[in-house]
């Protein structure tokens, strides 16, 4: 008689348990591998290899006595455009003696001199690439494109995006802290590559079109040793880790203005000098309308609030005096509490805009000098009538935005206040320093955002009206826009 064997099998519960375990393991592997960061690293490796290959090819041509490498004071861009001046790309404004150059899509990667780099690489006879490399992303929205500058020597640049390879950009000997640079003159065109700048979507309410702004507080760098000024106790240190403009940051002193995560923010500077500094790099001092464009955009993003827009608080940066001085920033935008002792709370120093751009220290750290523009035009430097505060006394005092009882034609609510008129300092937007009873108190300038010791009055909309265009302070800096 044959005996029927009973086959063992998995029960439904066992199968579900196995599937659950596999799902957990898969999720853990994904978290560990971090595919987004891995892709960034892959692109950065491509960038370094591309620039290395181009640089080597240029070196070979130079060794053969070939020196026709393009026009001086020209920034050649790896993005195609229908105009030779790259007019349709929305690139940052260059200093007056520089210009952009683009070619069409059809010749973009040609190696015979008609490509985005105007060099006939076929002359060497040993070319290692059949088409000119371009950035793996190649877009202006995040600065991810290649640039080439020449003038007897040359420099190639590319923005690095991964946490692993950003340090390569900072330690390559070049002047752009976020860009990987290769060439035989890494100080060439030190003020033209938009490393350390972000693109900001315009806002018709403030009369702004898309523009570029320094990602970080303005810093001073040296073209001699390529180091940023960040030595505690040095003569230029105000003792608060800001750079005293008593030591002018000018080319005559082998220095230049830059936007970089490291270095001390420039302070002790008048608005007049700040305007001149920005002009020296083909930019202008940030206007109040541009400042409000940034602040309003940031305030409308859930990611900049502890909970969601209008719920909880808007992150207000370094303002708790712990530590009691200005902080440097970090090249890693995900490290928004860099240097803070209060992590996980309202002291986050980064704000993310609707286009993904990240700006550091728009609220807290150092005050921002701005031009009193009207619909982003001009700079009012006449005395202003300041608003009164409900129940205010005849003295300068901080006032909650909802408690301003009478706005003025010089300080217009829609051009200086949060988009929601009920928001107050408990929601991290900041307060207004005004004369309690209002009137003309002889002041001429706006400063915005607050400093490291401002506490609850700090915020992206904080407005300090007790200031003049000739005022200076250890905790008052600036940034430029284009």
Protein backbone atom coordinates (compact mmCIF):
# COMPACT_ATOMS: atom_id res chain seq x y z
CA UNK A 1 0.00 0.00 0.00
CA UNK A 2 1.33 3.44 -0.97
CA UNK A 3 1.51 6.04 1.79
CA UNK A 4 0.62 9.59 0.96
CA UNK A 5 3.36 12.06 2.14
CA UNK A 6 2.29 15.31 3.62
CA UNK A 7 4.34 18.18 2.12
CA UNK A 8 5.31 21.03 4.44
CA UNK A 9 4.38 24.56 3.24
CA UNK A 10 4.42 28.14 4.47
CA UNK A 11 1.37 29.47 6.15
CA UNK A 12 -0.05 32.86 5.15
CA UNK A 13 1.14 34.35 8.43
CA UNK A 14 4.68 33.10 7.83
CA UNK A 15 4.68 34.56 4.31
CA UNK A 16 3.51 37.93 5.62
CA UNK A 17 6.23 37.90 8.28
CA UNK A 18 8.92 37.17 5.66
CA UNK A 19 7.58 39.86 3.35
CA UNK A 20 7.56 42.32 6.26
CA UNK A 21 11.16 41.50 7.16
CA UNK A 22 12.25 41.91 3.53
CA UNK A 23 10.48 45.28 3.35
CA UNK A 24 12.28 46.45 6.49
CA UNK A 25 15.64 45.26 5.17
CA UNK A 26 15.02 46.92 1.81
CA UNK A 27 14.12 50.21 3.48
CA UNK A 28 17.22 49.99 5.67
CA UNK A 29 19.46 49.37 2.65
CA UNK A 30 17.93 52.34 0.81
CA UNK A 31 18.49 54.60 3.82
CA UNK A 32 22.09 53.40 4.20
CA UNK A 33 22.88 53.76 0.51
CA UNK A 34 21.11 57.15 0.18
CA UNK A 35 20.54 56.92 -3.58
CA UNK A 36 20.06 60.67 -4.02
CA UNK A 37 23.47 61.38 -2.46
CA UNK A 38 24.98 58.54 -4.49
CA UNK A 39 23.72 60.08 -7.72
CA UNK A 40 25.17 63.45 -6.69
CA UNK A 41 28.52 61.78 -6.04
CA UNK A 42 28.42 60.09 -9.43
CA UNK A 43 27.77 63.42 -11.15
CA UNK A 44 30.55 65.10 -9.17
CA UNK A 45 33.04 62.42 -10.22
CA UNK A 46 31.99 63.05 -13.82
CA UNK A 47 32.55 66.78 -13.33
CA UNK A 48 36.05 66.31 -11.92
CA UNK A 49 36.97 63.89 -14.71
CA UNK A 50 35.55 66.21 -17.39
CA UNK A 51 37.44 69.27 -16.17
CA UNK A 52 40.57 67.19 -15.73
CA UNK A 53 40.36 65.95 -19.33
CA UNK A 54 39.77 69.44 -20.74
CA UNK A 55 42.56 70.89 -18.62
CA UNK A 56 44.98 68.19 -19.80
CA UNK A 57 44.05 68.82 -23.45
CA UNK A 58 44.65 72.57 -23.01
CA UNK A 59 48.02 71.84 -21.37
CA UNK A 60 49.04 69.67 -24.32
CA UNK A 61 48.17 72.46 -26.76
CA UNK A 62 50.13 74.95 -24.66
CA UNK A 63 53.18 72.65 -24.67
CA UNK A 64 52.96 72.58 -28.48
CA UNK A 65 53.15 76.37 -28.63
CA UNK A 66 49.45 76.91 -29.33
CA UNK A 67 48.10 79.91 -27.38
CA UNK A 68 44.81 80.82 -29.08
CA UNK A 69 42.56 79.89 -26.18
CA UNK A 70 39.79 82.48 -26.50
CA UNK A 71 39.03 86.08 -25.58
CA UNK A 72 40.12 87.55 -22.27
CA UNK A 73 37.44 88.72 -19.79
CA UNK A 74 34.93 86.34 -21.37
CA UNK A 75 33.02 83.67 -19.48
CA UNK A 76 32.32 80.74 -21.81
CA UNK A 77 29.30 78.71 -20.66
CA UNK A 78 28.44 75.05 -21.33
CA UNK A 79 24.71 75.76 -21.78
CA UNK A 80 23.52 76.47 -25.35
CA UNK A 81 21.70 79.66 -26.25
CA UNK A 82 20.37 81.23 -29.42
CA UNK A 83 22.37 84.39 -28.67
CA UNK A 84 26.15 84.58 -28.45
CA UNK A 85 25.85 86.67 -25.26
CA UNK A 86 23.76 84.02 -23.41
CA UNK A 87 21.01 86.65 -23.11
CA UNK A 88 18.23 84.08 -22.61
CA UNK A 89 19.84 82.16 -19.74
CA UNK A 90 19.26 84.58 -16.86
CA UNK A 91 22.89 84.39 -15.76
CA UNK A 92 24.23 86.66 -13.01
CA UNK A 93 25.33 90.13 -14.06
CA UNK A 94 29.07 90.26 -14.65
CA UNK A 95 31.50 93.06 -13.76
CA UNK A 96 31.51 95.76 -16.44
CA UNK A 97 34.67 94.50 -18.15
CA UNK A 98 33.38 90.91 -18.53
CA UNK A 99 30.90 89.30 -20.91
CA UNK A 100 29.33 85.86 -21.44
CA UNK A 101 29.64 83.73 -24.54
CA UNK A 102 27.34 80.89 -25.66
CA UNK A 103 26.95 78.81 -28.81
CA UNK A 104 23.97 77.00 -30.30
CA UNK A 105 22.95 73.44 -29.51
CA UNK A 106 24.20 72.21 -32.89
CA UNK A 107 27.84 73.09 -32.17
CA UNK A 108 27.82 73.01 -28.35
CA UNK A 109 30.10 69.96 -27.99
CA UNK A 110 32.24 70.43 -31.10
CA UNK A 111 35.98 70.08 -30.52
CA UNK A 112 37.10 72.05 -33.59
CA UNK A 113 36.83 75.51 -32.03
CA UNK A 114 33.12 76.07 -32.67
CA UNK A 115 32.02 74.44 -29.39
CA UNK A 116 31.32 76.10 -26.06
CA UNK A 117 35.09 76.27 -25.48
CA UNK A 118 36.51 78.23 -28.45
CA UNK A 119 39.60 76.05 -28.87
CA UNK A 120 40.44 73.72 -31.75
CA UNK A 121 41.44 70.65 -29.74
CA UNK A 122 42.06 68.60 -32.89
CA UNK A 123 45.37 70.46 -33.32
CA UNK A 124 47.02 68.38 -30.63
CA UNK A 125 46.65 65.07 -32.46
CA UNK A 126 46.16 63.28 -29.14
CA UNK A 127 42.65 64.28 -28.13
CA UNK A 128 41.17 62.02 -25.43
CA UNK A 129 37.52 63.03 -26.06
CA UNK A 130 35.49 63.15 -29.25
CA UNK A 131 33.02 65.77 -28.01
CA UNK A 132 33.31 68.58 -25.48
CA UNK A 133 32.02 67.50 -22.07
CA UNK A 134 29.11 69.41 -20.55
CA UNK A 135 27.78 69.31 -17.01
CA UNK A 136 25.62 66.24 -16.24
CA UNK A 137 22.72 68.56 -15.31
CA UNK A 138 23.68 71.70 -17.29
CA UNK A 139 21.15 74.18 -15.94
CA UNK A 140 21.22 77.72 -14.57
CA UNK A 141 18.56 77.09 -11.92
CA UNK A 142 21.08 75.49 -9.57
CA UNK A 143 24.32 76.85 -11.10
CA UNK A 144 25.16 73.39 -12.40
CA UNK A 145 27.02 74.12 -15.60
CA UNK A 146 30.66 74.45 -16.64
CA UNK A 147 32.45 77.72 -17.21
CA UNK A 148 35.74 78.49 -18.93
CA UNK A 149 37.67 81.74 -18.53
CA UNK A 150 40.89 82.62 -20.31
CA UNK A 151 43.34 85.47 -20.67
CA UNK A 152 46.83 84.11 -21.34
CA UNK A 153 45.98 81.42 -18.81
CA UNK A 154 42.76 79.55 -18.12
CA UNK A 155 40.38 78.27 -15.45
CA UNK A 156 37.54 75.74 -15.65
CA UNK A 157 34.80 75.61 -13.00
CA UNK A 158 31.92 73.37 -11.98
CA UNK A 159 29.63 73.45 -8.95
CA UNK A 160 29.91 70.36 -6.73
CA UNK A 161 26.67 69.06 -5.21
CA UNK A 162 27.47 66.01 -3.06
CA UNK A 163 28.50 66.12 0.58
CA UNK A 164 31.41 63.81 -0.20
CA UNK A 165 33.00 65.96 -2.90
CA UNK A 166 32.16 69.51 -1.79
CA UNK A 167 35.40 69.55 0.29
CA UNK A 168 37.30 69.00 -2.97
CA UNK A 169 35.91 72.34 -4.16
CA UNK A 170 37.03 74.08 -0.97
CA UNK A 171 40.55 72.65 -1.12
CA UNK A 172 41.39 72.84 -4.83
CA UNK A 173 43.33 76.11 -4.52
CA UNK A 174 40.70 78.15 -6.35
CA UNK A 175 38.71 81.16 -5.19
CA UNK A 176 35.18 79.74 -5.49
CA UNK A 177 34.31 77.76 -2.38
CA UNK A 178 31.51 75.70 -3.96
CA UNK A 179 33.10 75.18 -7.37
CA UNK A 180 35.69 72.62 -8.36
CA UNK A 181 38.32 74.50 -10.35
CA UNK A 182 41.03 73.28 -12.72
CA UNK A 183 43.49 75.26 -14.79
CA UNK A 184 46.85 77.00 -14.73
CA UNK A 185 45.50 80.13 -12.99
CA UNK A 186 42.85 79.39 -10.38
CA UNK A 187 42.51 83.05 -9.35
CA UNK A 188 41.47 84.07 -12.87
CA UNK A 189 38.05 85.74 -12.90
CA UNK A 190 37.67 85.35 -9.15
CA UNK A 191 34.57 87.57 -8.97
CA UNK A 192 32.59 86.29 -11.96
CA UNK A 193 31.68 82.67 -11.30
CA UNK A 194 28.40 82.51 -9.34
CA UNK A 195 29.66 80.13 -6.70
CA UNK A 196 28.04 81.06 -3.41
CA UNK A 197 25.08 82.73 -5.15
CA UNK A 198 21.51 81.48 -5.49
CA UNK A 199 18.72 82.29 -7.92
CA UNK A 200 15.59 83.86 -6.40
CA UNK A 201 12.16 83.77 -8.11
CA UNK A 202 10.86 87.31 -8.65
CA UNK A 203 7.71 88.76 -7.08
CA UNK A 204 5.60 91.40 -8.84
CA UNK A 205 4.38 92.77 -5.49
CA UNK A 206 7.90 94.03 -4.88
CA UNK A 207 8.73 94.85 -8.48
CA UNK A 208 11.34 92.10 -8.75
CA UNK A 209 12.12 89.73 -11.60
CA UNK A 210 14.25 86.64 -11.01
CA UNK A 211 17.58 87.69 -9.54
CA UNK A 212 20.72 86.28 -7.93
CA UNK A 213 21.78 86.93 -4.34
CA UNK A 214 24.70 85.96 -2.16
CA UNK A 215 23.88 82.67 -0.47
CA UNK A 216 25.94 83.75 2.57
CA UNK A 217 26.79 87.04 4.29
CA UNK A 218 29.40 89.00 2.33
CA UNK A 219 32.95 87.96 3.26
CA UNK A 220 36.45 89.22 2.49
CA UNK A 221 38.96 86.93 0.74
CA UNK A 222 42.56 87.30 -0.36
CA UNK A 223 43.82 86.80 -3.90
CA UNK A 224 47.33 86.26 -2.53
CA UNK A 225 46.88 83.15 -0.40
CA UNK A 226 43.29 82.29 -1.43
CA UNK A 227 42.27 82.02 2.23
CA UNK A 228 39.22 83.61 3.77
CA UNK A 229 39.70 85.85 6.77
CA UNK A 230 38.55 83.77 9.70
CA UNK A 231 41.28 83.89 12.32
CA UNK A 232 40.00 84.56 15.85
CA UNK A 233 41.85 87.43 17.50
CA UNK A 234 43.38 88.76 14.27
CA UNK A 235 43.46 92.57 13.83
CA UNK A 236 40.44 92.51 11.52
CA UNK A 237 38.39 90.47 14.03
CA UNK A 238 35.92 92.80 15.77
CA UNK A 239 36.15 90.34 18.72
CA UNK A 240 32.73 89.05 17.62
CA UNK A 241 34.10 87.03 14.69
CA UNK A 242 33.03 89.60 12.16
CA UNK A 243 35.47 91.29 9.79
CA UNK A 244 36.07 94.96 10.56
CA UNK A 245 35.95 97.16 7.49
CA UNK A 246 38.64 99.26 9.16
CA UNK A 247 40.78 96.95 7.01
CA UNK A 248 39.28 97.70 3.55
CA UNK A 249 38.52 94.69 1.40
CA UNK A 250 39.78 96.07 -1.92
CA UNK A 251 41.95 94.90 -4.80
CA UNK A 252 44.53 97.49 -3.74
CA UNK A 253 45.01 95.32 -0.66
CA UNK A 254 44.91 92.07 -2.68
CA UNK A 255 41.43 91.35 -1.30
CA UNK A 256 38.02 90.91 -2.85
CA UNK A 257 34.37 90.49 -1.85
CA UNK A 258 32.94 86.99 -1.95
CA UNK A 259 30.06 84.82 -0.81
CA UNK A 260 31.35 81.73 0.95
CA UNK A 261 30.38 79.53 3.90
CA UNK A 262 33.67 80.10 5.73
CA UNK A 263 35.13 83.39 6.85
CA UNK A 264 33.90 86.22 9.07
CA UNK A 265 30.95 88.32 7.81
CA UNK A 266 32.06 91.85 6.92
CA UNK A 267 30.82 94.38 9.51
CA UNK A 268 31.63 97.90 10.71
CA UNK A 269 30.76 99.11 7.25
CA UNK A 270 28.63 102.03 6.10
CA UNK A 271 25.92 101.54 3.53
CA UNK A 272 27.93 103.71 1.15
CA UNK A 273 30.92 101.37 1.38
CA UNK A 274 28.70 98.30 1.07
CA UNK A 275 27.24 99.75 -2.14
CA UNK A 276 30.76 100.31 -3.48
CA UNK A 277 31.86 96.80 -2.57
CA UNK A 278 28.93 95.25 -4.39
CA UNK A 279 29.54 97.44 -7.44
CA UNK A 280 33.16 96.23 -7.53
CA UNK A 281 31.95 92.71 -8.38
CA UNK A 282 29.30 93.77 -10.90
CA UNK A 283 26.46 93.61 -8.38
CA UNK A 284 24.45 95.95 -6.16
CA UNK A 285 23.61 96.11 -2.48
CA UNK A 286 20.52 94.03 -1.78
CA UNK A 287 17.40 96.18 -1.94
CA UNK A 288 14.57 96.04 0.57
CA UNK A 289 12.24 94.82 -2.20
CA UNK A 290 14.65 92.00 -3.01
CA UNK A 291 14.99 91.20 0.68
CA UNK A 292 11.20 91.01 1.00
CA UNK A 293 11.02 88.82 -2.11
CA UNK A 294 13.30 86.31 -0.39
CA UNK A 295 11.63 86.54 3.03
CA UNK A 296 8.09 86.24 1.63
CA UNK A 297 9.00 83.30 -0.59
CA UNK A 298 10.64 81.53 2.36
CA UNK A 299 7.70 82.24 4.68
CA UNK A 300 5.36 80.50 2.22
CA UNK A 301 7.30 77.19 2.32
CA UNK A 302 6.27 74.52 4.83
CA UNK A 303 9.88 73.35 5.15
CA UNK A 304 10.87 76.62 6.82
CA UNK A 305 8.33 76.23 9.64
CA UNK A 306 8.47 73.94 12.63
CA UNK A 307 5.07 72.53 11.60
CA UNK A 308 3.63 74.16 8.47
CA UNK A 309 3.10 77.66 7.11
CA UNK A 310 1.60 79.78 9.89
CA UNK A 311 1.65 76.90 12.38
CA UNK A 312 4.46 76.71 14.90
CA UNK A 313 7.32 79.07 14.10
CA UNK A 314 9.40 80.23 11.16
CA UNK A 315 13.07 79.36 11.68
CA UNK A 316 14.83 82.54 12.79
CA UNK A 317 18.54 81.68 12.74
CA UNK A 318 21.33 82.35 15.22
CA UNK A 319 19.89 84.88 17.68
CA UNK A 320 20.15 83.39 21.20
CA UNK A 321 23.70 84.60 21.98
CA UNK A 322 24.84 81.01 22.39
CA UNK A 323 27.59 81.33 21.31
CA UNK A 324 27.92 85.09 21.72
CA UNK A 325 29.36 85.90 18.31
CA UNK A 326 28.69 85.53 14.59
CA UNK A 327 28.96 82.04 13.12
CA UNK A 328 30.51 80.81 9.90
CA UNK A 329 28.25 78.69 7.71
CA UNK A 330 28.61 75.20 6.26
CA UNK A 331 28.77 74.09 2.65
CA UNK A 332 26.32 71.30 3.52
CA UNK A 333 22.84 72.88 3.38
CA UNK A 334 21.34 70.02 5.37
CA UNK A 335 23.46 71.13 8.34
CA UNK A 336 21.33 74.19 9.09
CA UNK A 337 22.19 74.18 12.81
CA UNK A 338 25.92 74.41 12.11
CA UNK A 339 27.71 76.07 15.04
CA UNK A 340 24.56 76.27 17.16
CA UNK A 341 24.20 75.03 20.73
CA UNK A 342 20.40 75.00 20.38
CA UNK A 343 19.82 72.37 17.73
CA UNK A 344 16.41 71.15 16.65
CA UNK A 345 14.66 74.41 17.58
CA UNK A 346 14.08 77.83 16.07
CA UNK A 347 17.81 78.52 15.61
CA UNK A 348 18.01 76.82 12.21
CA UNK A 349 20.04 79.09 9.95
CA UNK A 350 18.84 77.99 6.52
CA UNK A 351 15.71 78.90 4.56
CA UNK A 352 14.69 77.05 1.41
CA UNK A 353 12.96 78.89 -1.44
CA UNK A 354 10.27 77.60 -3.79
CA UNK A 355 12.86 76.76 -6.47
CA UNK A 356 14.96 74.71 -4.05
CA UNK A 357 17.60 77.41 -3.49
CA UNK A 358 18.90 77.58 0.08
CA UNK A 359 19.99 80.84 1.71
CA UNK A 360 21.93 81.11 4.98
CA UNK A 361 21.46 83.66 7.78
CA UNK A 362 18.74 85.88 6.34
CA UNK A 363 17.40 85.92 9.91
CA UNK A 364 19.89 86.12 12.75
CA UNK A 365 23.70 86.07 12.82
CA UNK A 366 24.31 89.64 11.50
CA UNK A 367 21.93 92.41 10.46
CA UNK A 368 21.52 92.98 6.74
CA UNK A 369 21.89 96.47 5.31
CA UNK A 370 19.43 97.04 2.46
CA UNK A 371 18.64 99.86 0.08
CA UNK A 372 15.25 101.55 0.63
CA UNK A 373 14.02 100.86 -2.88
CA UNK A 374 10.52 101.57 -4.22
CA UNK A 375 9.34 98.71 -6.44
CA UNK A 376 13.00 97.75 -6.59
CA UNK A 377 14.07 101.08 -8.04
CA UNK A 378 16.46 103.59 -6.49
CA UNK A 379 17.64 104.04 -2.91
CA UNK A 380 15.90 106.51 -0.62
CA UNK A 381 18.39 108.10 1.76
CA UNK A 382 16.23 110.97 3.03
CA UNK A 383 14.92 110.93 6.58
CA UNK A 384 11.79 108.89 7.07
CA UNK A 385 8.63 109.08 9.12
CA UNK A 386 8.56 105.93 11.22
CA UNK A 387 5.38 104.09 12.29
CA UNK A 388 3.87 104.32 15.78
CA UNK A 389 3.25 101.37 18.09
CA UNK A 390 0.00 100.78 19.95
CA UNK A 391 0.48 102.19 23.45
CA UNK A 392 3.98 103.26 22.50
CA UNK A 393 6.01 105.76 24.50
CA UNK A 394 8.18 108.61 23.18
CA UNK A 395 11.24 106.40 22.91
CA UNK A 396 12.74 103.77 20.61
CA UNK A 397 11.20 100.36 21.28
CA UNK A 398 10.48 97.00 19.74
CA UNK A 399 6.93 96.55 18.48
CA UNK A 400 5.07 93.48 17.26
CA UNK A 401 4.00 93.74 13.61
CA UNK A 402 0.26 93.44 14.47
CA UNK A 403 0.71 96.27 17.03
CA UNK A 404 1.95 98.87 14.56
CA UNK A 405 -0.89 101.38 14.81
CA UNK A 406 -0.03 103.67 11.90
CA UNK A 407 2.17 102.72 8.99
CA UNK A 408 3.65 105.56 6.92
CA UNK A 409 4.41 106.34 3.30
CA UNK A 410 8.11 105.78 4.10
CA UNK A 411 7.53 102.47 5.88
CA UNK A 412 4.73 100.76 3.95
CA UNK A 413 3.20 97.68 5.57
CA UNK A 414 2.90 95.68 2.34
CA UNK A 415 6.60 96.31 1.59
CA UNK A 416 8.10 95.43 4.96
CA UNK A 417 5.72 93.16 6.92
CA UNK A 418 4.96 89.41 6.86
CA UNK A 419 2.34 88.25 4.31
CA UNK A 420 -0.05 87.43 7.17
CA UNK A 421 -0.79 90.57 9.21
CA UNK A 422 -1.55 88.53 12.36
CA UNK A 423 1.86 86.83 12.59
CA UNK A 424 3.99 87.97 15.53
CA UNK A 425 7.35 87.18 17.11
CA UNK A 426 6.07 83.98 18.74
CA UNK A 427 5.86 82.68 15.18
CA UNK A 428 9.46 83.65 14.48
CA UNK A 429 8.87 86.52 12.04
CA UNK A 430 10.58 89.16 14.20
CA UNK A 431 9.59 92.64 15.37
CA UNK A 432 10.00 96.29 14.35
CA UNK A 433 12.32 98.71 16.14
CA UNK A 434 10.51 102.04 15.88
CA UNK A 435 9.87 105.19 17.85
CA UNK A 436 6.81 104.41 19.96
CA UNK A 437 4.89 107.56 19.00
CA UNK A 438 6.11 107.58 15.40
CA UNK A 439 7.16 110.70 13.53
CA UNK A 440 10.34 111.82 11.80
CA UNK A 441 13.25 110.86 14.06
CA UNK A 442 16.03 111.68 11.61
CA UNK A 443 16.75 108.10 10.58
CA UNK A 444 17.44 107.19 6.95
CA UNK A 445 18.06 103.47 6.52
CA UNK A 446 16.59 99.98 6.95
CA UNK A 447 18.49 97.03 8.36
CA UNK A 448 16.80 93.64 8.36
CA UNK A 449 16.94 90.20 9.94
CA UNK A 450 18.68 90.72 13.34
CA UNK A 451 21.96 89.53 14.89
CA UNK A 452 23.22 86.78 17.18
CA UNK A 453 21.95 88.45 20.37
CA UNK A 454 18.49 89.66 19.22
CA UNK A 455 16.41 86.88 20.75
CA UNK A 456 12.66 87.03 20.12
CA UNK A 457 12.86 90.22 18.05
CA UNK A 458 14.84 88.35 15.38
CA UNK A 459 13.25 86.88 12.28
CA UNK A 460 13.13 86.97 8.51
CA UNK A 461 10.96 90.13 8.66
CA UNK A 462 12.69 91.91 11.57
CA UNK A 463 13.04 95.61 10.74
CA UNK A 464 15.41 98.02 12.49
CA UNK A 465 14.54 101.69 11.80
CA UNK A 466 16.96 103.37 14.21
CA UNK A 467 19.74 103.49 11.61
CA UNK A 468 21.41 105.78 9.10
CA UNK A 469 23.26 105.27 5.83
CA UNK A 470 26.47 106.24 7.62
CA UNK A 471 25.92 103.90 10.56
CA UNK A 472 28.27 101.04 11.39
CA UNK A 473 28.22 98.22 13.91
CA UNK A 474 30.09 95.04 14.80
CA UNK A 475 26.96 93.01 14.04
CA UNK A 476 25.72 94.80 10.91
CA UNK A 477 26.78 93.33 7.57
CA UNK A 478 25.39 93.07 4.05
CA UNK A 479 25.03 90.94 0.97
CA UNK A 480 24.93 91.75 -2.73
CA UNK A 481 22.53 90.81 -5.51
CA UNK A 482 22.65 90.74 -9.31
